[in-house]
Amino acid sequence: MNIQGTGKAGEDAAAAYLVKKGYRIAERNYNCRIAEIDIVAYDENDTLCFIEVKTRKNSDFGYPGEYVDRRKQQKIRLGAASFIKHKRIDCEIRFDVVEVYAYMSGDTPKITRINHIENAF
């Protein structure tokens, strides 16, 4: 499986994890001219969460969430503003990161751990 396949498996695992926590997925892979947002979901308090998913096999080179640098954060913020304007939404918002740890078992990624960082930035 290639990097995109592993990333998709990580996003799928993150979405399933969030649903299990009571989140309602509003959209996945929201694209606008500026950015792509992996998951847009409402939490149990109806806060709209813009969620970046980072999948890595380990933390040897840093935690997955550390790869969401200032430049990426700014792109996500601009993408969130586009989503809010396009959908005409008026509610509390939050930016989260979900770290997914996975390794390849043949052609199948195996998820070993998921870490949800609320209010990551």
PDB file of N, CA and C in Angstrom:
ATOM      1  N   MET A   1       0.853  -1.178   0.000  1.00  0.00           N
ATOM      2  CA  MET A   1       0.000   0.000   0.000  1.00  0.00           C
ATOM      3  C   MET A   1       0.895   1.236   0.000  1.00  0.00           C
ATOM      4  N   ASN A   2       0.499   2.269  -0.719  1.00  0.00           N
ATOM      5  CA  ASN A   2       1.301   3.474  -0.821  1.00  0.00           C
ATOM      6  C   ASN A   2       0.979   4.445   0.310  1.00  0.00           C
ATOM      7  N   ILE A   3       1.677   5.587   0.307  1.00  0.00           N
ATOM      8  CA  ILE A   3       1.498   6.585   1.367  1.00  0.00           C
ATOM      9  C   ILE A   3       0.071   7.110   1.389  1.00  0.00           C
ATOM     10  N   GLN A   4      -0.508   7.367   0.200  1.00  0.00           N
ATOM     11  CA  GLN A   4      -1.887   7.866   0.153  1.00  0.00           C
ATOM     12  C   GLN A   4      -2.853   6.842   0.739  1.00  0.00           C
ATOM     13  N   GLY A   5      -2.625   5.568   0.465  1.00  0.00           N
ATOM     14  CA  GLY A   5      -3.481   4.514   1.012  1.00  0.00           C
ATOM     15  C   GLY A   5      -3.388   4.443   2.523  1.00  0.00           C
ATOM     16  N   THR A   6      -2.173   4.601   3.043  1.00  0.00           N
ATOM     17  CA  THR A   6      -1.987   4.606   4.491  1.00  0.00           C
ATOM     18  C   THR A   6      -2.653   5.827   5.102  1.00  0.00           C
ATOM     19  N   GLY A   7      -2.517   6.973   4.444  1.00  0.00           N
ATOM     20  CA  GLY A   7      -3.166   8.191   4.924  1.00  0.00           C
ATOM     21  C   GLY A   7      -4.675   8.056   4.945  1.00  0.00           C
ATOM     22  N   LYS A   8      -5.236   7.452   3.897  1.00  0.00           N
ATOM     23  CA  LYS A   8      -6.690   7.247   3.844  1.00  0.00           C
ATOM     24  C   LYS A   8      -7.128   6.298   4.945  1.00  0.00           C
ATOM     25  N   ALA A   9      -6.356   5.239   5.167  1.00  0.00           N
ATOM     26  CA  ALA A   9      -6.684   4.301   6.246  1.00  0.00           C
ATOM     27  C   ALA A   9      -6.637   5.018   7.594  1.00  0.00           C
ATOM     28  N   GLY A  10      -5.679   5.927   7.770  1.00  0.00           N
ATOM     29  CA  GLY A  10      -5.598   6.707   8.998  1.00  0.00           C
ATOM     30  C   GLY A  10      -6.804   7.619   9.163  1.00  0.00           C
ATOM     31  N   GLU A  11      -7.220   8.256   8.064  1.00  0.00           N
ATOM     32  CA  GLU A  11      -8.404   9.125   8.114  1.00  0.00           C
ATOM     33  C   GLU A  11      -9.664   8.319   8.415  1.00  0.00           C
ATOM     34  N   ASP A  12      -9.776   7.140   7.815  1.00  0.00           N
ATOM     35  CA  ASP A  12     -10.929   6.279   8.087  1.00  0.00           C
ATOM     36  C   ASP A  12     -10.961   5.872   9.560  1.00  0.00           C
ATOM     37  N   ALA A  13      -9.795   5.503  10.098  1.00  0.00           N
ATOM     38  CA  ALA A  13      -9.718   5.108  11.506  1.00  0.00           C
ATOM     39  C   ALA A  13     -10.042   6.291  12.416  1.00  0.00           C
ATOM     40  N   ALA A  14      -9.553   7.476  12.065  1.00  0.00           N
ATOM     41  CA  ALA A  14      -9.838   8.670  12.866  1.00  0.00           C
ATOM     42  C   ALA A  14     -11.326   8.984  12.853  1.00  0.00           C
ATOM     43  N   ALA A  15     -11.956   8.898  11.679  1.00  0.00           N
ATOM     44  CA  ALA A  15     -13.397   9.170  11.579  1.00  0.00           C
ATOM     45  C   ALA A  15     -14.187   8.180  12.425  1.00  0.00           C
ATOM     46  N   ALA A  16     -13.840   6.900  12.346  1.00  0.00           N
ATOM     47  CA  ALA A  16     -14.538   5.887  13.138  1.00  0.00           C
ATOM     48  C   ALA A  16     -14.339   6.144  14.633  1.00  0.00           C
ATOM     49  N   TYR A  17     -13.144   6.521  15.018  1.00  0.00           N
ATOM     50  CA  TYR A  17     -12.835   6.835  16.413  1.00  0.00           C
ATOM     51  C   TYR A  17     -13.690   8.007  16.902  1.00  0.00           C
ATOM     52  N   LEU A  18     -13.784   9.055  16.088  1.00  0.00           N
ATOM     53  CA  LEU A  18     -14.563  10.232  16.466  1.00  0.00           C
ATOM     54  C   LEU A  18     -16.047   9.904  16.590  1.00  0.00           C
ATOM     55  N   VAL A  19     -16.566   9.116  15.662  1.00  0.00           N
ATOM     56  CA  VAL A  19     -17.985   8.711  15.726  1.00  0.00           C
ATOM     57  C   VAL A  19     -18.233   7.937  17.016  1.00  0.00           C
ATOM     58  N   LYS A  20     -17.297   7.068  17.357  1.00  0.00           N
ATOM     59  CA  LYS A  20     -17.432   6.283  18.589  1.00  0.00           C
ATOM     60  C   LYS A  20     -17.439   7.190  19.821  1.00  0.00           C
ATOM     61  N   LYS A  21     -16.743   8.334  19.736  1.00  0.00           N
ATOM     62  CA  LYS A  21     -16.719   9.309  20.833  1.00  0.00           C
ATOM     63  C   LYS A  21     -17.964  10.194  20.843  1.00  0.00           C
ATOM     64  N   GLY A  22     -18.852  10.026  19.853  1.00  0.00           N
ATOM     65  CA  GLY A  22     -20.085  10.807  19.827  1.00  0.00           C
ATOM     66  C   GLY A  22     -20.086  11.968  18.849  1.00  0.00           C
ATOM     67  N   TYR A  23     -19.041  12.085  18.045  1.00  0.00           N
ATOM     68  CA  TYR A  23     -18.985  13.154  17.050  1.00  0.00           C
ATOM     69  C   TYR A  23     -19.881  12.811  15.864  1.00  0.00           C
ATOM     70  N   ARG A  24     -20.401  13.860  15.215  1.00  0.00           N
ATOM     71  CA  ARG A  24     -21.184  13.695  13.989  1.00  0.00           C
ATOM     72  C   ARG A  24     -20.366  14.265  12.836  1.00  0.00           C
ATOM     73  N   ILE A  25     -20.005  13.412  11.906  1.00  0.00           N
ATOM     74  CA  ILE A  25     -19.189  13.847  10.772  1.00  0.00           C
ATOM     75  C   ILE A  25     -20.055  14.676   9.829  1.00  0.00           C
ATOM     76  N   ALA A  26     -19.644  15.907   9.572  1.00  0.00           N
ATOM     77  CA  ALA A  26     -20.357  16.774   8.643  1.00  0.00           C
ATOM     78  C   ALA A  26     -19.802  16.610   7.235  1.00  0.00           C
ATOM     79  N   GLU A  27     -18.484  16.451   7.145  1.00  0.00           N
ATOM     80  CA  GLU A  27     -17.857  16.312   5.831  1.00  0.00           C
ATOM     81  C   GLU A  27     -16.451  15.766   5.995  1.00  0.00           C
ATOM     82  N   ARG A  28     -16.031  15.031   4.973  1.00  0.00           N
ATOM     83  CA  ARG A  28     -14.654  14.542   4.929  1.00  0.00           C
ATOM     84  C   ARG A  28     -13.989  15.073   3.680  1.00  0.00           C
ATOM     85  N   ASN A  29     -12.721  15.379   3.818  1.00  0.00           N
ATOM     86  CA  ASN A  29     -11.915  15.878   2.707  1.00  0.00           C
ATOM     87  C   ASN A  29     -12.543  17.090   2.035  1.00  0.00           C
ATOM     88  N   TYR A  30     -12.905  18.069   2.845  1.00  0.00           N
ATOM     89  CA  TYR A  30     -13.449  19.322   2.312  1.00  0.00           C
ATOM     90  C   TYR A  30     -12.335  20.051   1.565  1.00  0.00           C
ATOM     91  N   ASN A  31     -12.579  20.333   0.298  1.00  0.00           N
ATOM     92  CA  ASN A  31     -11.604  21.025  -0.536  1.00  0.00           C
ATOM     93  C   ASN A  31     -12.094  22.398  -0.917  1.00  0.00           C
ATOM     94  N   CYS A  32     -11.214  23.352  -0.801  1.00  0.00           N
ATOM     95  CA  CYS A  32     -11.457  24.677  -1.362  1.00  0.00           C
ATOM     96  C   CYS A  32     -10.160  25.074  -2.058  1.00  0.00           C
ATOM     97  N   ARG A  33     -10.151  26.223  -2.626  1.00  0.00           N
ATOM     98  CA  ARG A  33      -8.976  26.669  -3.379  1.00  0.00           C
ATOM     99  C   ARG A  33      -7.725  26.726  -2.498  1.00  0.00           C
ATOM    100  N   ILE A  34      -7.913  26.980  -1.230  1.00  0.00           N
ATOM    101  CA  ILE A  34      -6.795  27.235  -0.320  1.00  0.00           C
ATOM    102  C   ILE A  34      -6.281  25.982   0.377  1.00  0.00           C
ATOM    103  N   ALA A  35      -7.184  25.095   0.765  1.00  0.00           N
ATOM    104  CA  ALA A  35      -6.788  23.980   1.630  1.00  0.00           C
ATOM    105  C   ALA A  35      -7.752  22.810   1.513  1.00  0.00           C
ATOM    106  N   GLU A  36      -7.308  21.695   2.064  1.00  0.00           N
ATOM    107  CA  GLU A  36      -8.183  20.542   2.267  1.00  0.00           C
ATOM    108  C   GLU A  36      -8.244  20.285   3.761  1.00  0.00           C
ATOM    109  N   ILE A  37      -9.450  20.079   4.253  1.00  0.00           N
ATOM    110  CA  ILE A  37      -9.628  19.746   5.665  1.00  0.00           C
ATOM    111  C   ILE A  37     -10.062  18.289   5.716  1.00  0.00           C
ATOM    112  N   ASP A  38      -9.317  17.482   6.472  1.00  0.00           N
ATOM    113  CA  ASP A  38      -9.547  16.043   6.499  1.00  0.00           C
ATOM    114  C   ASP A  38     -10.949  15.695   7.000  1.00  0.00           C
ATOM    115  N   ILE A  39     -11.313  16.219   8.162  1.00  0.00           N
ATOM    116  CA  ILE A  39     -12.617  15.902   8.760  1.00  0.00           C
ATOM    117  C   ILE A  39     -13.219  17.171   9.352  1.00  0.00           C
ATOM    118  N   VAL A  40     -14.489  17.381   9.067  1.00  0.00           N
ATOM    119  CA  VAL A  40     -15.260  18.439   9.713  1.00  0.00           C
ATOM    120  C   VAL A  40     -16.373  17.721  10.468  1.00  0.00           C
ATOM    121  N   ALA A  41     -16.444  17.951  11.781  1.00  0.00           N
ATOM    122  CA  ALA A  41     -17.414  17.211  12.596  1.00  0.00           C
ATOM    123  C   ALA A  41     -17.906  18.063  13.753  1.00  0.00           C
ATOM    124  N   TYR A  42     -19.093  17.727  14.223  1.00  0.00           N
ATOM    125  CA  TYR A  42     -19.653  18.356  15.417  1.00  0.00           C
ATOM    126  C   TYR A  42     -19.382  17.451  16.610  1.00  0.00           C
ATOM    127  N   ASP A  43     -18.897  18.043  17.707  1.00  0.00           N
ATOM    128  CA  ASP A  43     -18.700  17.245  18.912  1.00  0.00           C
ATOM    129  C   ASP A  43     -20.012  17.148  19.685  1.00  0.00           C
ATOM    130  N   GLU A  44     -19.974  16.567  20.867  1.00  0.00           N
ATOM    131  CA  GLU A  44     -21.180  16.343  21.666  1.00  0.00           C
ATOM    132  C   GLU A  44     -21.819  17.638  22.146  1.00  0.00           C
ATOM    133  N   ASN A  45     -21.076  18.765  22.090  1.00  0.00           N
ATOM    134  CA  ASN A  45     -21.605  20.074  22.487  1.00  0.00           C
ATOM    135  C   ASN A  45     -21.988  20.934  21.289  1.00  0.00           C
ATOM    136  N   ASP A  46     -22.036  20.325  20.114  1.00  0.00           N
ATOM    137  CA  ASP A  46     -22.337  21.012  18.855  1.00  0.00           C
ATOM    138  C   ASP A  46     -21.306  22.065  18.478  1.00  0.00           C
ATOM    139  N   THR A  47     -20.088  21.903  18.951  1.00  0.00           N
ATOM    140  CA  THR A  47     -18.971  22.721  18.487  1.00  0.00           C
ATOM    141  C   THR A  47     -18.503  22.131  17.171  1.00  0.00           C
ATOM    142  N   LEU A  48     -18.304  22.980  16.169  1.00  0.00           N
ATOM    143  CA  LEU A  48     -17.842  22.514  14.862  1.00  0.00           C
ATOM    144  C   LEU A  48     -16.327  22.385  14.913  1.00  0.00           C
ATOM    145  N   CYS A  49     -15.834  21.178  14.664  1.00  0.00           N
ATOM    146  CA  CYS A  49     -14.407  20.880  14.773  1.00  0.00           C
ATOM    147  C   CYS A  49     -13.809  20.646  13.390  1.00  0.00           C
ATOM    148  N   PHE A  50     -12.731  21.358  13.115  1.00  0.00           N
ATOM    149  CA  PHE A  50     -11.968  21.165  11.886  1.00  0.00           C
ATOM    150  C   PHE A  50     -10.763  20.335  12.283  1.00  0.00           C
ATOM    151  N   ILE A  51     -10.683  19.130  11.720  1.00  0.00           N
ATOM    152  CA  ILE A  51      -9.748  18.132  12.240  1.00  0.00           C
ATOM    153  C   ILE A  51      -8.742  17.727  11.172  1.00  0.00           C
ATOM    154  N   GLU A  52      -7.478  17.886  11.514  1.00  0.00           N
ATOM    155  CA  GLU A  52      -6.380  17.437  10.660  1.00  0.00           C
ATOM    156  C   GLU A  52      -5.926  16.077  11.177  1.00  0.00           C
ATOM    157  N   VAL A  53      -5.798  15.119  10.276  1.00  0.00           N
ATOM    158  CA  VAL A  53      -5.372  13.773  10.646  1.00  0.00           C
ATOM    159  C   VAL A  53      -3.948  13.563  10.139  1.00  0.00           C
ATOM    160  N   LYS A  54      -3.074  13.115  11.022  1.00  0.00           N
ATOM    161  CA  LYS A  54      -1.698  12.801  10.650  1.00  0.00           C
ATOM    162  C   LYS A  54      -1.424  11.350  11.023  1.00  0.00           C
ATOM    163  N   THR A  55      -1.001  10.580  10.051  1.00  0.00           N
ATOM    164  CA  THR A  55      -0.735   9.160  10.257  1.00  0.00           C
ATOM    165  C   THR A  55       0.763   8.907  10.108  1.00  0.00           C
ATOM    166  N   ARG A  56       1.338   8.235  11.076  1.00  0.00           N
ATOM    167  CA  ARG A  56       2.761   7.878  11.061  1.00  0.00           C
ATOM    168  C   ARG A  56       2.911   6.474  11.631  1.00  0.00           C
ATOM    169  N   LYS A  57       4.038   5.852  11.320  1.00  0.00           N
ATOM    170  CA  LYS A  57       4.263   4.510  11.872  1.00  0.00           C
ATOM    171  C   LYS A  57       4.873   4.562  13.262  1.00  0.00           C
ATOM    172  N   ASN A  58       5.555   5.663  13.585  1.00  0.00           N
ATOM    173  CA  ASN A  58       6.118   5.822  14.929  1.00  0.00           C
ATOM    174  C   ASN A  58       6.422   7.299  15.157  1.00  0.00           C
ATOM    175  N   SER A  59       6.983   7.596  16.297  1.00  0.00           N
ATOM    176  CA  SER A  59       7.314   8.991  16.604  1.00  0.00           C
ATOM    177  C   SER A  59       8.824   9.224  16.602  1.00  0.00           C
ATOM    178  N   ASP A  60       9.567   8.405  15.854  1.00  0.00           N
ATOM    179  CA  ASP A  60      11.024   8.537  15.806  1.00  0.00           C
ATOM    180  C   ASP A  60      11.470   9.926  15.357  1.00  0.00           C
ATOM    181  N   PHE A  61      10.711  10.557  14.483  1.00  0.00           N
ATOM    182  CA  PHE A  61      11.071  11.870  13.955  1.00  0.00           C
ATOM    183  C   PHE A  61      10.115  12.949  14.462  1.00  0.00           C
ATOM    184  N   GLY A  62       9.492  12.710  15.580  1.00  0.00           N
ATOM    185  CA  GLY A  62       8.542  13.657  16.153  1.00  0.00           C
ATOM    186  C   GLY A  62       7.139  13.081  16.118  1.00  0.00           C
ATOM    187  N   TYR A  63       6.290  13.642  16.947  1.00  0.00           N
ATOM    188  CA  TYR A  63       4.902  13.195  16.997  1.00  0.00           C
ATOM    189  C   TYR A  63       4.165  13.669  15.746  1.00  0.00           C
ATOM    190  N   PRO A  64       3.193  12.900  15.284  1.00  0.00           N
ATOM    191  CA  PRO A  64       2.473  13.290  14.070  1.00  0.00           C
ATOM    192  C   PRO A  64       1.893  14.705  14.138  1.00  0.00           C
ATOM    193  N   GLY A  65       1.363  15.096  15.280  1.00  0.00           N
ATOM    194  CA  GLY A  65       0.778  16.423  15.417  1.00  0.00           C
ATOM    195  C   GLY A  65       1.777  17.547  15.223  1.00  0.00           C
ATOM    196  N   GLU A  66       3.059  17.262  15.449  1.00  0.00           N
ATOM    197  CA  GLU A  66       4.089  18.284  15.264  1.00  0.00           C
ATOM    198  C   GLU A  66       4.274  18.652  13.796  1.00  0.00           C
ATOM    199  N   TYR A  67       3.758  17.848  12.904  1.00  0.00           N
ATOM    200  CA  TYR A  67       3.848  18.134  11.477  1.00  0.00           C
ATOM    201  C   TYR A  67       2.782  19.140  11.026  1.00  0.00           C
ATOM    202  N   VAL A  68       1.900  19.520  11.932  1.00  0.00           N
ATOM    203  CA  VAL A  68       0.909  20.554  11.627  1.00  0.00           C
ATOM    204  C   VAL A  68       1.540  21.877  12.066  1.00  0.00           C
ATOM    205  N   ASP A  69       2.405  22.391  11.197  1.00  0.00           N
ATOM    206  CA  ASP A  69       3.146  23.607  11.515  1.00  0.00           C
ATOM    207  C   ASP A  69       2.295  24.860  11.294  1.00  0.00           C
ATOM    208  N   ARG A  70       2.868  26.020  11.547  1.00  0.00           N
ATOM    209  CA  ARG A  70       2.126  27.288  11.430  1.00  0.00           C
ATOM    210  C   ARG A  70       1.545  27.489  10.035  1.00  0.00           C
ATOM    211  N   ARG A  71       2.308  27.139   9.035  1.00  0.00           N
ATOM    212  CA  ARG A  71       1.826  27.306   7.656  1.00  0.00           C
ATOM    213  C   ARG A  71       0.604  26.429   7.404  1.00  0.00           C
ATOM    214  N   LYS A  72       0.665  25.180   7.844  1.00  0.00           N
ATOM    215  CA  LYS A  72      -0.463  24.261   7.689  1.00  0.00           C
ATOM    216  C   LYS A  72      -1.662  24.743   8.512  1.00  0.00           C
ATOM    217  N   GLN A  73      -1.409  25.225   9.719  1.00  0.00           N
ATOM    218  CA  GLN A  73      -2.480  25.748  10.563  1.00  0.00           C
ATOM    219  C   GLN A  73      -3.190  26.906   9.879  1.00  0.00           C
ATOM    220  N   GLN A  74      -2.424  27.802   9.272  1.00  0.00           N
ATOM    221  CA  GLN A  74      -3.023  28.942   8.592  1.00  0.00           C
ATOM    222  C   GLN A  74      -3.888  28.493   7.416  1.00  0.00           C
ATOM    223  N   LYS A  75      -3.414  27.491   6.675  1.00  0.00           N
ATOM    224  CA  LYS A  75      -4.203  26.967   5.557  1.00  0.00           C
ATOM    225  C   LYS A  75      -5.508  26.353   6.059  1.00  0.00           C
ATOM    226  N   ILE A  76      -5.433  25.633   7.163  1.00  0.00           N
ATOM    227  CA  ILE A  76      -6.637  25.024   7.725  1.00  0.00           C
ATOM    228  C   ILE A  76      -7.608  26.107   8.193  1.00  0.00           C
ATOM    229  N   ARG A  77      -7.089  27.150   8.827  1.00  0.00           N
ATOM    230  CA  ARG A  77      -7.949  28.259   9.265  1.00  0.00           C
ATOM    231  C   ARG A  77      -8.672  28.900   8.077  1.00  0.00           C
ATOM    232  N   LEU A  78      -7.937  29.133   6.997  1.00  0.00           N
ATOM    233  CA  LEU A  78      -8.544  29.725   5.805  1.00  0.00           C
ATOM    234  C   LEU A  78      -9.568  28.775   5.179  1.00  0.00           C
ATOM    235  N   GLY A  79      -9.251  27.484   5.169  1.00  0.00           N
ATOM    236  CA  GLY A  79     -10.208  26.492   4.676  1.00  0.00           C
ATOM    237  C   GLY A  79     -11.459  26.445   5.532  1.00  0.00           C
ATOM    238  N   ALA A  80     -11.283  26.572   6.844  1.00  0.00           N
ATOM    239  CA  ALA A  80     -12.431  26.588   7.765  1.00  0.00           C
ATOM    240  C   ALA A  80     -13.301  27.808   7.502  1.00  0.00           C
ATOM    241  N   ALA A  81     -12.678  28.960   7.272  1.00  0.00           N
ATOM    242  CA  ALA A  81     -13.440  30.172   6.972  1.00  0.00           C
ATOM    243  C   ALA A  81     -14.249  29.988   5.692  1.00  0.00           C
ATOM    244  N   SER A  82     -13.665  29.333   4.706  1.00  0.00           N
ATOM    245  CA  SER A  82     -14.376  29.048   3.457  1.00  0.00           C
ATOM    246  C   SER A  82     -15.567  28.130   3.709  1.00  0.00           C
ATOM    247  N   PHE A  83     -15.357  27.084   4.497  1.00  0.00           N
ATOM    248  CA  PHE A  83     -16.428  26.139   4.827  1.00  0.00           C
ATOM    249  C   PHE A  83     -17.579  26.850   5.532  1.00  0.00           C
ATOM    250  N   ILE A  84     -17.243  27.654   6.520  1.00  0.00           N
ATOM    251  CA  ILE A  84     -18.257  28.374   7.298  1.00  0.00           C
ATOM    252  C   ILE A  84     -19.057  29.320   6.403  1.00  0.00           C
ATOM    253  N   LYS A  85     -18.354  30.034   5.544  1.00  0.00           N
ATOM    254  CA  LYS A  85     -19.031  30.971   4.645  1.00  0.00           C
ATOM    255  C   LYS A  85     -19.911  30.228   3.640  1.00  0.00           C
ATOM    256  N   HIS A  86     -19.354  29.177   3.048  1.00  0.00           N
ATOM    257  CA  HIS A  86     -20.079  28.410   2.028  1.00  0.00           C
ATOM    258  C   HIS A  86     -21.329  27.744   2.604  1.00  0.00           C
ATOM    259  N   LYS A  87     -21.208  27.203   3.812  1.00  0.00           N
ATOM    260  CA  LYS A  87     -22.321  26.478   4.443  1.00  0.00           C
ATOM    261  C   LYS A  87     -23.211  27.376   5.298  1.00  0.00           C
ATOM    262  N   ARG A  88     -22.811  28.645   5.439  1.00  0.00           N
ATOM    263  CA  ARG A  88     -23.575  29.612   6.248  1.00  0.00           C
ATOM    264  C   ARG A  88     -23.792  29.101   7.671  1.00  0.00           C
ATOM    265  N   ILE A  89     -22.704  28.804   8.316  1.00  0.00           N
ATOM    266  CA  ILE A  89     -22.734  28.233   9.667  1.00  0.00           C
ATOM    267  C   ILE A  89     -22.414  29.320  10.684  1.00  0.00           C
ATOM    268  N   ASP A  90     -23.116  29.270  11.801  1.00  0.00           N
ATOM    269  CA  ASP A  90     -22.866  30.200  12.901  1.00  0.00           C
ATOM    270  C   ASP A  90     -22.865  29.401  14.203  1.00  0.00           C
ATOM    271  N   CYS A  91     -21.692  28.995  14.638  1.00  0.00           N
ATOM    272  CA  CYS A  91     -21.567  28.246  15.885  1.00  0.00           C
ATOM    273  C   CYS A  91     -20.130  28.339  16.368  1.00  0.00           C
ATOM    274  N   GLU A  92     -19.880  27.792  17.543  1.00  0.00           N
ATOM    275  CA  GLU A  92     -18.522  27.721  18.076  1.00  0.00           C
ATOM    276  C   GLU A  92     -17.701  26.782  17.197  1.00  0.00           C
ATOM    277  N   ILE A  93     -16.411  27.118  17.018  1.00  0.00           N
ATOM    278  CA  ILE A  93     -15.531  26.242  16.241  1.00  0.00           C
ATOM    279  C   ILE A  93     -14.280  25.914  17.047  1.00  0.00           C
ATOM    280  N   ARG A  94     -13.594  24.881  16.584  1.00  0.00           N
ATOM    281  CA  ARG A  94     -12.379  24.430  17.251  1.00  0.00           C
ATOM    282  C   ARG A  94     -11.501  23.730  16.210  1.00  0.00           C
ATOM    283  N   PHE A  95     -10.198  23.750  16.435  1.00  0.00           N
ATOM    284  CA  PHE A  95      -9.258  23.076  15.546  1.00  0.00           C
ATOM    285  C   PHE A  95      -8.570  21.956  16.319  1.00  0.00           C
ATOM    286  N   ASP A  96      -8.716  20.737  15.830  1.00  0.00           N
ATOM    287  CA  ASP A  96      -8.152  19.554  16.471  1.00  0.00           C
ATOM    288  C   ASP A  96      -7.167  18.862  15.538  1.00  0.00           C
ATOM    289  N   VAL A  97      -6.355  18.016  16.131  1.00  0.00           N
ATOM    290  CA  VAL A  97      -5.478  17.117  15.377  1.00  0.00           C
ATOM    291  C   VAL A  97      -5.716  15.713  15.908  1.00  0.00           C
ATOM    292  N   VAL A  98      -5.810  14.752  15.002  1.00  0.00           N
ATOM    293  CA  VAL A  98      -5.867  13.349  15.401  1.00  0.00           C
ATOM    294  C   VAL A  98      -4.602  12.676  14.886  1.00  0.00           C
ATOM    295  N   GLU A  99      -3.829  12.142  15.823  1.00  0.00           N
ATOM    296  CA  GLU A  99      -2.617  11.399  15.476  1.00  0.00           C
ATOM    297  C   GLU A  99      -2.981   9.924  15.377  1.00  0.00           C
ATOM    298  N   VAL A 100      -2.626   9.328  14.257  1.00  0.00           N
ATOM    299  CA  VAL A 100      -2.886   7.905  14.054  1.00  0.00           C
ATOM    300  C   VAL A 100      -1.539   7.218  13.859  1.00  0.00           C
ATOM    301  N   TYR A 101      -1.328   6.174  14.630  1.00  0.00           N
ATOM    302  CA  TYR A 101      -0.113   5.366  14.494  1.00  0.00           C
ATOM    303  C   TYR A 101      -0.501   4.059  13.821  1.00  0.00           C
ATOM    304  N   ALA A 102       0.222   3.726  12.752  1.00  0.00           N
ATOM    305  CA  ALA A 102      -0.111   2.522  11.978  1.00  0.00           C
ATOM    306  C   ALA A 102       1.171   1.913  11.411  1.00  0.00           C
ATOM    307  N   TYR A 103       1.131   0.643  11.162  1.00  0.00           N
ATOM    308  CA  TYR A 103       2.231  -0.027  10.471  1.00  0.00           C
ATOM    309  C   TYR A 103       1.634  -0.900   9.375  1.00  0.00           C
ATOM    310  N   MET A 104       2.451  -1.254   8.418  1.00  0.00           N
ATOM    311  CA  MET A 104       1.981  -2.071   7.304  1.00  0.00           C
ATOM    312  C   MET A 104       2.136  -3.552   7.647  1.00  0.00           C
ATOM    313  N   SER A 105       1.074  -4.288   7.421  1.00  0.00           N
ATOM    314  CA  SER A 105       1.084  -5.744   7.555  1.00  0.00           C
ATOM    315  C   SER A 105       0.723  -6.283   6.180  1.00  0.00           C
ATOM    316  N   GLY A 106       1.737  -6.569   5.389  1.00  0.00           N
ATOM    317  CA  GLY A 106       1.486  -6.910   3.988  1.00  0.00           C
ATOM    318  C   GLY A 106       1.015  -5.654   3.274  1.00  0.00           C
ATOM    319  N   ASP A 107      -0.141  -5.733   2.655  1.00  0.00           N
ATOM    320  CA  ASP A 107      -0.709  -4.576   1.966  1.00  0.00           C
ATOM    321  C   ASP A 107      -1.736  -3.829   2.814  1.00  0.00           C
ATOM    322  N   THR A 108      -1.884  -4.235   4.065  1.00  0.00           N
ATOM    323  CA  THR A 108      -2.923  -3.667   4.909  1.00  0.00           C
ATOM    324  C   THR A 108      -2.313  -2.874   6.059  1.00  0.00           C
ATOM    325  N   PRO A 109      -2.723  -1.611   6.227  1.00  0.00           N
ATOM    326  CA  PRO A 109      -2.233  -0.870   7.389  1.00  0.00           C
ATOM    327  C   PRO A 109      -2.950  -1.342   8.661  1.00  0.00           C
ATOM    328  N   LYS A 110      -2.190  -1.493   9.716  1.00  0.00           N
ATOM    329  CA  LYS A 110      -2.735  -1.872  11.020  1.00  0.00           C
ATOM    330  C   LYS A 110      -2.613  -0.679  11.962  1.00  0.00           C
ATOM    331  N   ILE A 111      -3.740  -0.246  12.482  1.00  0.00           N
ATOM    332  CA  ILE A 111      -3.765   0.893  13.386  1.00  0.00           C
ATOM    333  C   ILE A 111      -3.386   0.412  14.781  1.00  0.00           C
ATOM    334  N   THR A 112      -2.378   1.055  15.380  1.00  0.00           N
ATOM    335  CA  THR A 112      -1.947   0.649  16.715  1.00  0.00           C
ATOM    336  C   THR A 112      -2.406   1.614  17.800  1.00  0.00           C
ATOM    337  N   ARG A 113      -2.580   2.899  17.444  1.00  0.00           N
ATOM    338  CA  ARG A 113      -2.962   3.877  18.466  1.00  0.00           C
ATOM    339  C   ARG A 113      -3.530   5.117  17.794  1.00  0.00           C
ATOM    340  N   ILE A 114      -4.479   5.744  18.466  1.00  0.00           N
ATOM    341  CA  ILE A 114      -5.055   7.008  18.010  1.00  0.00           C
ATOM    342  C   ILE A 114      -5.028   7.975  19.186  1.00  0.00           C
ATOM    343  N   ASN A 115      -4.563   9.188  18.923  1.00  0.00           N
ATOM    344  CA  ASN A 115      -4.493  10.230  19.941  1.00  0.00           C
ATOM    345  C   ASN A 115      -5.218  11.469  19.410  1.00  0.00           C
ATOM    346  N   HIS A 116      -6.278  11.872  20.090  1.00  0.00           N
ATOM    347  CA  HIS A 116      -7.074  13.033  19.686  1.00  0.00           C
ATOM    348  C   HIS A 116      -6.649  14.236  20.518  1.00  0.00           C
ATOM    349  N   ILE A 117      -6.141  15.277  19.846  1.00  0.00           N
ATOM    350  CA  ILE A 117      -5.712  16.498  20.522  1.00  0.00           C
ATOM    351  C   ILE A 117      -6.751  17.581  20.235  1.00  0.00           C
ATOM    352  N   GLU A 118      -7.568  17.876  21.229  1.00  0.00           N
ATOM    353  CA  GLU A 118      -8.575  18.922  21.074  1.00  0.00           C
ATOM    354  C   GLU A 118      -7.913  20.284  21.271  1.00  0.00           C
ATOM    355  N   ASN A 119      -8.439  21.296  20.562  1.00  0.00           N
ATOM    356  CA  ASN A 119      -7.869  22.650  20.624  1.00  0.00           C
ATOM    357  C   ASN A 119      -6.365  22.638  20.373  1.00  0.00           C
ATOM    358  N   ALA A 120      -5.960  21.915  19.346  1.00  0.00           N
ATOM    359  CA  ALA A 120      -4.534  21.772  19.049  1.00  0.00           C
ATOM    360  C   ALA A 120      -3.883  23.094  18.668  1.00  0.00           C
ATOM    361  N   PHE A 121      -4.664  23.968  18.047  1.00  0.00           N
ATOM    362  CA  PHE A 121      -4.144  25.301  17.686  1.00  0.00           C
ATOM    363  C   PHE A 121      -5.282  26.280  17.579  1.00  0.00           C
TER     364      PHE A 121
END
